[in-house]
Amino acid sequence: MDRSEIFEKVADIASDVLGINADEITEETTFDDLDADSLDRLQLVTAFEDEFDIEMDEERLLSINSVADAINAIEATQEA
């Protein structure tokens, strides 16, 4: 799966979890920009793990602050 496909899925998940329009999301969008609190972020990461059939370690989870961070973490976890 290439980066653009991962981005599309991440944007769709963020849209569903946060109730926003996926068209408003770019790779540069931070979860602070989307007013995501810690519970929202946990729901997002859980949804990413389910969608991509991966498991992220705690260090990686704590480093996810933007859509680009999420994509990078998903790519790194898939490659491991």
PDB file of N, CA and C in Angstrom:
ATOM      1  N   MET A   1       0.853  -1.175   0.000  1.00  0.00           N
ATOM      2  CA  MET A   1       0.000   0.000   0.000  1.00  0.00           C
ATOM      3  C   MET A   1       0.902   1.242   0.000  1.00  0.00           C
ATOM      4  N   ASP A   2       0.639   2.168  -0.910  1.00  0.00           N
ATOM      5  CA  ASP A   2       1.490   3.357  -0.985  1.00  0.00           C
ATOM      6  C   ASP A   2       0.979   4.465  -0.060  1.00  0.00           C
ATOM      7  N   ARG A   3       1.790   5.505   0.064  1.00  0.00           N
ATOM      8  CA  ARG A   3       1.514   6.592   1.007  1.00  0.00           C
ATOM      9  C   ARG A   3       0.170   7.270   0.736  1.00  0.00           C
ATOM     10  N   SER A   4      -0.178   7.459  -0.529  1.00  0.00           N
ATOM     11  CA  SER A   4      -1.444   8.140  -0.829  1.00  0.00           C
ATOM     12  C   SER A   4      -2.647   7.288  -0.419  1.00  0.00           C
ATOM     13  N   GLU A   5      -2.528   5.972  -0.557  1.00  0.00           N
ATOM     14  CA  GLU A   5      -3.614   5.087  -0.124  1.00  0.00           C
ATOM     15  C   GLU A   5      -3.745   5.108   1.400  1.00  0.00           C
ATOM     16  N   ILE A   6      -2.605   5.113   2.081  1.00  0.00           N
ATOM     17  CA  ILE A   6      -2.632   5.195   3.543  1.00  0.00           C
ATOM     18  C   ILE A   6      -3.252   6.521   3.970  1.00  0.00           C
ATOM     19  N   PHE A   7      -2.850   7.610   3.307  1.00  0.00           N
ATOM     20  CA  PHE A   7      -3.414   8.927   3.638  1.00  0.00           C
ATOM     21  C   PHE A   7      -4.934   8.916   3.499  1.00  0.00           C
ATOM     22  N   GLU A   8      -5.446   8.376   2.411  1.00  0.00           N
ATOM     23  CA  GLU A   8      -6.896   8.341   2.193  1.00  0.00           C
ATOM     24  C   GLU A   8      -7.614   7.618   3.326  1.00  0.00           C
ATOM     25  N   LYS A   9      -7.059   6.473   3.738  1.00  0.00           N
ATOM     26  CA  LYS A   9      -7.679   5.710   4.827  1.00  0.00           C
ATOM     27  C   LYS A   9      -7.583   6.464   6.153  1.00  0.00           C
ATOM     28  N   VAL A  10      -6.423   7.068   6.423  1.00  0.00           N
ATOM     29  CA  VAL A  10      -6.245   7.838   7.658  1.00  0.00           C
ATOM     30  C   VAL A  10      -7.228   9.016   7.682  1.00  0.00           C
ATOM     31  N   ALA A  11      -7.366   9.710   6.567  1.00  0.00           N
ATOM     32  CA  ALA A  11      -8.300  10.846   6.493  1.00  0.00           C
ATOM     33  C   ALA A  11      -9.738  10.381   6.697  1.00  0.00           C
ATOM     34  N   ASP A  12     -10.100   9.247   6.105  1.00  0.00           N
ATOM     35  CA  ASP A  12     -11.455   8.711   6.286  1.00  0.00           C
ATOM     36  C   ASP A  12     -11.719   8.329   7.740  1.00  0.00           C
ATOM     37  N   ILE A  13     -10.741   7.704   8.370  1.00  0.00           N
ATOM     38  CA  ILE A  13     -10.886   7.319   9.775  1.00  0.00           C
ATOM     39  C   ILE A  13     -11.019   8.564  10.642  1.00  0.00           C
ATOM     40  N   ALA A  14     -10.154   9.552  10.432  1.00  0.00           N
ATOM     41  CA  ALA A  14     -10.222  10.792  11.213  1.00  0.00           C
ATOM     42  C   ALA A  14     -11.567  11.475  11.010  1.00  0.00           C
ATOM     43  N   SER A  15     -12.047  11.461   9.792  1.00  0.00           N
ATOM     44  CA  SER A  15     -13.344  12.056   9.482  1.00  0.00           C
ATOM     45  C   SER A  15     -14.460  11.364  10.267  1.00  0.00           C
ATOM     46  N   ASP A  16     -14.425  10.035  10.276  1.00  0.00           N
ATOM     47  CA  ASP A  16     -15.458   9.267  10.990  1.00  0.00           C
ATOM     48  C   ASP A  16     -15.376   9.472  12.502  1.00  0.00           C
ATOM     49  N   VAL A  17     -14.173   9.353  13.049  1.00  0.00           N
ATOM     50  CA  VAL A  17     -13.998   9.438  14.500  1.00  0.00           C
ATOM     51  C   VAL A  17     -14.288  10.845  15.015  1.00  0.00           C
ATOM     52  N   LEU A  18     -13.844  11.857  14.271  1.00  0.00           N
ATOM     53  CA  LEU A  18     -13.956  13.242  14.745  1.00  0.00           C
ATOM     54  C   LEU A  18     -15.157  13.988  14.191  1.00  0.00           C
ATOM     55  N   GLY A  19     -15.882  13.358  13.272  1.00  0.00           N
ATOM     56  CA  GLY A  19     -17.073  13.991  12.720  1.00  0.00           C
ATOM     57  C   GLY A  19     -16.778  15.225  11.895  1.00  0.00           C
ATOM     58  N   ILE A  20     -15.718  15.158  11.093  1.00  0.00           N
ATOM     59  CA  ILE A  20     -15.352  16.285  10.240  1.00  0.00           C
ATOM     60  C   ILE A  20     -15.317  15.834   8.786  1.00  0.00           C
ATOM     61  N   ASN A  21     -15.218  16.788   7.887  1.00  0.00           N
ATOM     62  CA  ASN A  21     -15.155  16.491   6.467  1.00  0.00           C
ATOM     63  C   ASN A  21     -13.733  16.060   6.102  1.00  0.00           C
ATOM     64  N   ALA A  22     -13.608  14.916   5.464  1.00  0.00           N
ATOM     65  CA  ALA A  22     -12.284  14.391   5.092  1.00  0.00           C
ATOM     66  C   ALA A  22     -11.549  15.336   4.148  1.00  0.00           C
ATOM     67  N   ASP A  23     -12.279  16.135   3.395  1.00  0.00           N
ATOM     68  CA  ASP A  23     -11.651  17.076   2.459  1.00  0.00           C
ATOM     69  C   ASP A  23     -10.865  18.170   3.179  1.00  0.00           C
ATOM     70  N   GLU A  24     -11.130  18.374   4.470  1.00  0.00           N
ATOM     71  CA  GLU A  24     -10.435  19.395   5.249  1.00  0.00           C
ATOM     72  C   GLU A  24      -9.099  18.898   5.781  1.00  0.00           C
ATOM     73  N   ILE A  25      -8.793  17.621   5.565  1.00  0.00           N
ATOM     74  CA  ILE A  25      -7.607  17.009   6.146  1.00  0.00           C
ATOM     75  C   ILE A  25      -6.495  16.906   5.106  1.00  0.00           C
ATOM     76  N   THR A  26      -5.305  17.346   5.500  1.00  0.00           N
ATOM     77  CA  THR A  26      -4.110  17.194   4.673  1.00  0.00           C
ATOM     78  C   THR A  26      -3.071  16.452   5.511  1.00  0.00           C
ATOM     79  N   GLU A  27      -1.945  16.101   4.897  1.00  0.00           N
ATOM     80  CA  GLU A  27      -0.886  15.451   5.664  1.00  0.00           C
ATOM     81  C   GLU A  27      -0.348  16.363   6.754  1.00  0.00           C
ATOM     82  N   GLU A  28      -0.394  17.658   6.525  1.00  0.00           N
ATOM     83  CA  GLU A  28       0.143  18.617   7.485  1.00  0.00           C
ATOM     84  C   GLU A  28      -0.807  18.885   8.644  1.00  0.00           C
ATOM     85  N   THR A  29      -2.041  18.432   8.555  1.00  0.00           N
ATOM     86  CA  THR A  29      -3.030  18.661   9.604  1.00  0.00           C
ATOM     87  C   THR A  29      -2.595  17.980  10.898  1.00  0.00           C
ATOM     88  N   THR A  30      -2.623  18.736  11.987  1.00  0.00           N
ATOM     89  CA  THR A  30      -2.326  18.142  13.289  1.00  0.00           C
ATOM     90  C   THR A  30      -3.646  17.769  13.966  1.00  0.00           C
ATOM     91  N   PHE A  31      -3.556  16.881  14.930  1.00  0.00           N
ATOM     92  CA  PHE A  31      -4.769  16.503  15.649  1.00  0.00           C
ATOM     93  C   PHE A  31      -5.230  17.638  16.557  1.00  0.00           C
ATOM     94  N   ASP A  32      -4.319  18.529  16.932  1.00  0.00           N
ATOM     95  CA  ASP A  32      -4.721  19.746  17.641  1.00  0.00           C
ATOM     96  C   ASP A  32      -5.569  20.631  16.732  1.00  0.00           C
ATOM     97  N   ASP A  33      -5.190  20.712  15.442  1.00  0.00           N
ATOM     98  CA  ASP A  33      -5.979  21.483  14.470  1.00  0.00           C
ATOM     99  C   ASP A  33      -7.418  20.973  14.406  1.00  0.00           C
ATOM    100  N   LEU A  34      -7.567  19.669  14.636  1.00  0.00           N
ATOM    101  CA  LEU A  34      -8.885  19.027  14.544  1.00  0.00           C
ATOM    102  C   LEU A  34      -9.596  18.962  15.891  1.00  0.00           C
ATOM    103  N   ASP A  35      -9.022  19.643  16.899  1.00  0.00           N
ATOM    104  CA  ASP A  35      -9.586  19.664  18.258  1.00  0.00           C
ATOM    105  C   ASP A  35      -9.762  18.264  18.845  1.00  0.00           C
ATOM    106  N   ALA A  36      -8.828  17.379  18.550  1.00  0.00           N
ATOM    107  CA  ALA A  36      -8.884  16.019  19.073  1.00  0.00           C
ATOM    108  C   ALA A  36      -8.275  15.984  20.475  1.00  0.00           C
ATOM    109  N   ASP A  37      -9.072  15.547  21.448  1.00  0.00           N
ATOM    110  CA  ASP A  37      -8.545  15.411  22.803  1.00  0.00           C
ATOM    111  C   ASP A  37      -7.880  14.038  22.955  1.00  0.00           C
ATOM    112  N   SER A  38      -7.415  13.720  24.140  1.00  0.00           N
ATOM    113  CA  SER A  38      -6.667  12.470  24.330  1.00  0.00           C
ATOM    114  C   SER A  38      -7.535  11.242  24.053  1.00  0.00           C
ATOM    115  N   LEU A  39      -8.808  11.285  24.383  1.00  0.00           N
ATOM    116  CA  LEU A  39      -9.698  10.159  24.084  1.00  0.00           C
ATOM    117  C   LEU A  39      -9.884  10.005  22.577  1.00  0.00           C
ATOM    118  N   ASP A  40     -10.055  11.121  21.884  1.00  0.00           N
ATOM    119  CA  ASP A  40     -10.164  11.080  20.423  1.00  0.00           C
ATOM    120  C   ASP A  40      -8.916  10.457  19.805  1.00  0.00           C
ATOM    121  N   ARG A  41      -7.755  10.853  20.312  1.00  0.00           N
ATOM    122  CA  ARG A  41      -6.492  10.326  19.777  1.00  0.00           C
ATOM    123  C   ARG A  41      -6.385   8.828  20.004  1.00  0.00           C
ATOM    124  N   LEU A  42      -6.817   8.375  21.167  1.00  0.00           N
ATOM    125  CA  LEU A  42      -6.804   6.947  21.454  1.00  0.00           C
ATOM    126  C   LEU A  42      -7.734   6.201  20.495  1.00  0.00           C
ATOM    127  N   GLN A  43      -8.912   6.758  20.257  1.00  0.00           N
ATOM    128  CA  GLN A  43      -9.848   6.149  19.310  1.00  0.00           C
ATOM    129  C   GLN A  43      -9.259   6.120  17.897  1.00  0.00           C
ATOM    130  N   LEU A  44      -8.581   7.178  17.518  1.00  0.00           N
ATOM    131  CA  LEU A  44      -7.950   7.227  16.201  1.00  0.00           C
ATOM    132  C   LEU A  44      -6.892   6.137  16.060  1.00  0.00           C
ATOM    133  N   VAL A  45      -6.010   6.036  17.047  1.00  0.00           N
ATOM    134  CA  VAL A  45      -4.936   5.043  16.976  1.00  0.00           C
ATOM    135  C   VAL A  45      -5.515   3.631  16.960  1.00  0.00           C
ATOM    136  N   THR A  46      -6.523   3.387  17.767  1.00  0.00           N
ATOM    137  CA  THR A  46      -7.169   2.074  17.781  1.00  0.00           C
ATOM    138  C   THR A  46      -7.765   1.768  16.414  1.00  0.00           C
ATOM    139  N   ALA A  47      -8.392   2.751  15.808  1.00  0.00           N
ATOM    140  CA  ALA A  47      -8.975   2.565  14.473  1.00  0.00           C
ATOM    141  C   ALA A  47      -7.885   2.335  13.430  1.00  0.00           C
ATOM    142  N   PHE A  48      -6.762   3.059  13.541  1.00  0.00           N
ATOM    143  CA  PHE A  48      -5.645   2.840  12.609  1.00  0.00           C
ATOM    144  C   PHE A  48      -5.121   1.415  12.746  1.00  0.00           C
ATOM    145  N   GLU A  49      -4.936   0.966  13.987  1.00  0.00           N
ATOM    146  CA  GLU A  49      -4.432  -0.386  14.211  1.00  0.00           C
ATOM    147  C   GLU A  49      -5.381  -1.430  13.627  1.00  0.00           C
ATOM    148  N   ASP A  50      -6.673  -1.225  13.826  1.00  0.00           N
ATOM    149  CA  ASP A  50      -7.662  -2.173  13.287  1.00  0.00           C
ATOM    150  C   ASP A  50      -7.672  -2.158  11.764  1.00  0.00           C
ATOM    151  N   GLU A  51      -7.690  -0.972  11.176  1.00  0.00           N
ATOM    152  CA  GLU A  51      -7.783  -0.835   9.723  1.00  0.00           C
ATOM    153  C   GLU A  51      -6.567  -1.430   9.013  1.00  0.00           C
ATOM    154  N   PHE A  52      -5.394  -1.188   9.574  1.00  0.00           N
ATOM    155  CA  PHE A  52      -4.159  -1.616   8.911  1.00  0.00           C
ATOM    156  C   PHE A  52      -3.602  -2.922   9.476  1.00  0.00           C
ATOM    157  N   ASP A  53      -4.322  -3.521  10.433  1.00  0.00           N
ATOM    158  CA  ASP A  53      -3.925  -4.788  11.048  1.00  0.00           C
ATOM    159  C   ASP A  53      -2.483  -4.712  11.568  1.00  0.00           C
ATOM    160  N   ILE A  54      -2.245  -3.699  12.397  1.00  0.00           N
ATOM    161  CA  ILE A  54      -0.925  -3.467  12.981  1.00  0.00           C
ATOM    162  C   ILE A  54      -1.075  -3.241  14.482  1.00  0.00           C
ATOM    163  N   GLU A  55       0.047  -3.237  15.171  1.00  0.00           N
ATOM    164  CA  GLU A  55       0.071  -2.875  16.588  1.00  0.00           C
ATOM    165  C   GLU A  55       1.249  -1.935  16.798  1.00  0.00           C
ATOM    166  N   MET A  56       0.975  -0.777  17.374  1.00  0.00           N
ATOM    167  CA  MET A  56       2.018   0.222  17.589  1.00  0.00           C
ATOM    168  C   MET A  56       2.477   0.190  19.040  1.00  0.00           C
ATOM    169  N   ASP A  57       3.783   0.338  19.238  1.00  0.00           N
ATOM    170  CA  ASP A  57       4.297   0.390  20.604  1.00  0.00           C
ATOM    171  C   ASP A  57       4.013   1.765  21.205  1.00  0.00           C
ATOM    172  N   GLU A  58       4.169   1.852  22.525  1.00  0.00           N
ATOM    173  CA  GLU A  58       3.808   3.082  23.236  1.00  0.00           C
ATOM    174  C   GLU A  58       4.608   4.287  22.765  1.00  0.00           C
ATOM    175  N   GLU A  59       5.889   4.090  22.507  1.00  0.00           N
ATOM    176  CA  GLU A  59       6.732   5.202  22.043  1.00  0.00           C
ATOM    177  C   GLU A  59       6.204   5.769  20.726  1.00  0.00           C
ATOM    178  N   ARG A  60       5.835   4.893  19.813  1.00  0.00           N
ATOM    179  CA  ARG A  60       5.303   5.331  18.528  1.00  0.00           C
ATOM    180  C   ARG A  60       3.955   6.032  18.718  1.00  0.00           C
ATOM    181  N   LEU A  61       3.120   5.492  19.592  1.00  0.00           N
ATOM    182  CA  LEU A  61       1.806   6.092  19.842  1.00  0.00           C
ATOM    183  C   LEU A  61       1.946   7.531  20.328  1.00  0.00           C
ATOM    184  N   LEU A  62       2.893   7.749  21.223  1.00  0.00           N
ATOM    185  CA  LEU A  62       3.078   9.078  21.801  1.00  0.00           C
ATOM    186  C   LEU A  62       3.648  10.079  20.798  1.00  0.00           C
ATOM    187  N   SER A  63       4.217   9.580  19.703  1.00  0.00           N
ATOM    188  CA  SER A  63       4.821  10.474  18.713  1.00  0.00           C
ATOM    189  C   SER A  63       3.832  10.919  17.634  1.00  0.00           C
ATOM    190  N   ILE A  64       2.613  10.417  17.681  1.00  0.00           N
ATOM    191  CA  ILE A  64       1.632  10.741  16.645  1.00  0.00           C
ATOM    192  C   ILE A  64       0.868  12.010  17.017  1.00  0.00           C
ATOM    193  N   ASN A  65       1.216  13.097  16.339  1.00  0.00           N
ATOM    194  CA  ASN A  65       0.568  14.390  16.589  1.00  0.00           C
ATOM    195  C   ASN A  65      -0.075  14.973  15.344  1.00  0.00           C
ATOM    196  N   SER A  66       0.157  14.345  14.201  1.00  0.00           N
ATOM    197  CA  SER A  66      -0.392  14.871  12.948  1.00  0.00           C
ATOM    198  C   SER A  66      -0.741  13.703  12.033  1.00  0.00           C
ATOM    199  N   VAL A  67      -1.397  14.026  10.954  1.00  0.00           N
ATOM    200  CA  VAL A  67      -1.736  13.010   9.958  1.00  0.00           C
ATOM    201  C   VAL A  67      -0.450  12.414   9.382  1.00  0.00           C
ATOM    202  N   ALA A  68       0.541  13.249   9.093  1.00  0.00           N
ATOM    203  CA  ALA A  68       1.816  12.754   8.567  1.00  0.00           C
ATOM    204  C   ALA A  68       2.485  11.812   9.567  1.00  0.00           C
ATOM    205  N   ASP A  69       2.433  12.145  10.867  1.00  0.00           N
ATOM    206  CA  ASP A  69       2.996  11.257  11.890  1.00  0.00           C
ATOM    207  C   ASP A  69       2.297   9.899  11.867  1.00  0.00           C
ATOM    208  N   ALA A  70       0.978   9.921  11.727  1.00  0.00           N
ATOM    209  CA  ALA A  70       0.213   8.669  11.690  1.00  0.00           C
ATOM    210  C   ALA A  70       0.622   7.838  10.481  1.00  0.00           C
ATOM    211  N   ILE A  71       0.739   8.476   9.329  1.00  0.00           N
ATOM    212  CA  ILE A  71       1.129   7.764   8.112  1.00  0.00           C
ATOM    213  C   ILE A  71       2.533   7.173   8.271  1.00  0.00           C
ATOM    214  N   ASN A  72       3.462   7.967   8.798  1.00  0.00           N
ATOM    215  CA  ASN A  72       4.832   7.488   9.004  1.00  0.00           C
ATOM    216  C   ASN A  72       4.852   6.293   9.956  1.00  0.00           C
ATOM    217  N   ALA A  73       4.067   6.363  11.032  1.00  0.00           N
ATOM    218  CA  ALA A  73       4.023   5.270  11.991  1.00  0.00           C
ATOM    219  C   ALA A  73       3.423   4.010  11.371  1.00  0.00           C
ATOM    220  N   ILE A  74       2.384   4.178  10.580  1.00  0.00           N
ATOM    221  CA  ILE A  74       1.767   3.031   9.898  1.00  0.00           C
ATOM    222  C   ILE A  74       2.753   2.402   8.921  1.00  0.00           C
ATOM    223  N   GLU A  75       3.424   3.240   8.130  1.00  0.00           N
ATOM    224  CA  GLU A  75       4.415   2.722   7.183  1.00  0.00           C
ATOM    225  C   GLU A  75       5.529   1.971   7.906  1.00  0.00           C
ATOM    226  N   ALA A  76       6.043   2.548   8.989  1.00  0.00           N
ATOM    227  CA  ALA A  76       7.147   1.925   9.724  1.00  0.00           C
ATOM    228  C   ALA A  76       6.706   0.604  10.352  1.00  0.00           C
ATOM    229  N   THR A  77       5.481   0.562  10.857  1.00  0.00           N
ATOM    230  CA  THR A  77       4.976  -0.656  11.492  1.00  0.00           C
ATOM    231  C   THR A  77       4.731  -1.741  10.459  1.00  0.00           C
ATOM    232  N   GLN A  78       4.250  -1.359   9.276  1.00  0.00           N
ATOM    233  CA  GLN A  78       4.013  -2.334   8.220  1.00  0.00           C
ATOM    234  C   GLN A  78       5.324  -2.918   7.691  1.00  0.00           C
ATOM    235  N   GLU A  79       6.376  -2.106   7.704  1.00  0.00           N
ATOM    236  CA  GLU A  79       7.670  -2.547   7.181  1.00  0.00           C
ATOM    237  C   GLU A  79       8.411  -3.429   8.175  1.00  0.00           C
ATOM    238  N   ALA A  80       8.064  -3.310   9.456  1.00  0.00           N
ATOM    239  CA  ALA A  80       8.781  -4.057  10.507  1.00  0.00           C
ATOM    240  C   ALA A  80       8.488  -5.549  10.451  1.00  0.00           C
TER     241      ALA A  80
END
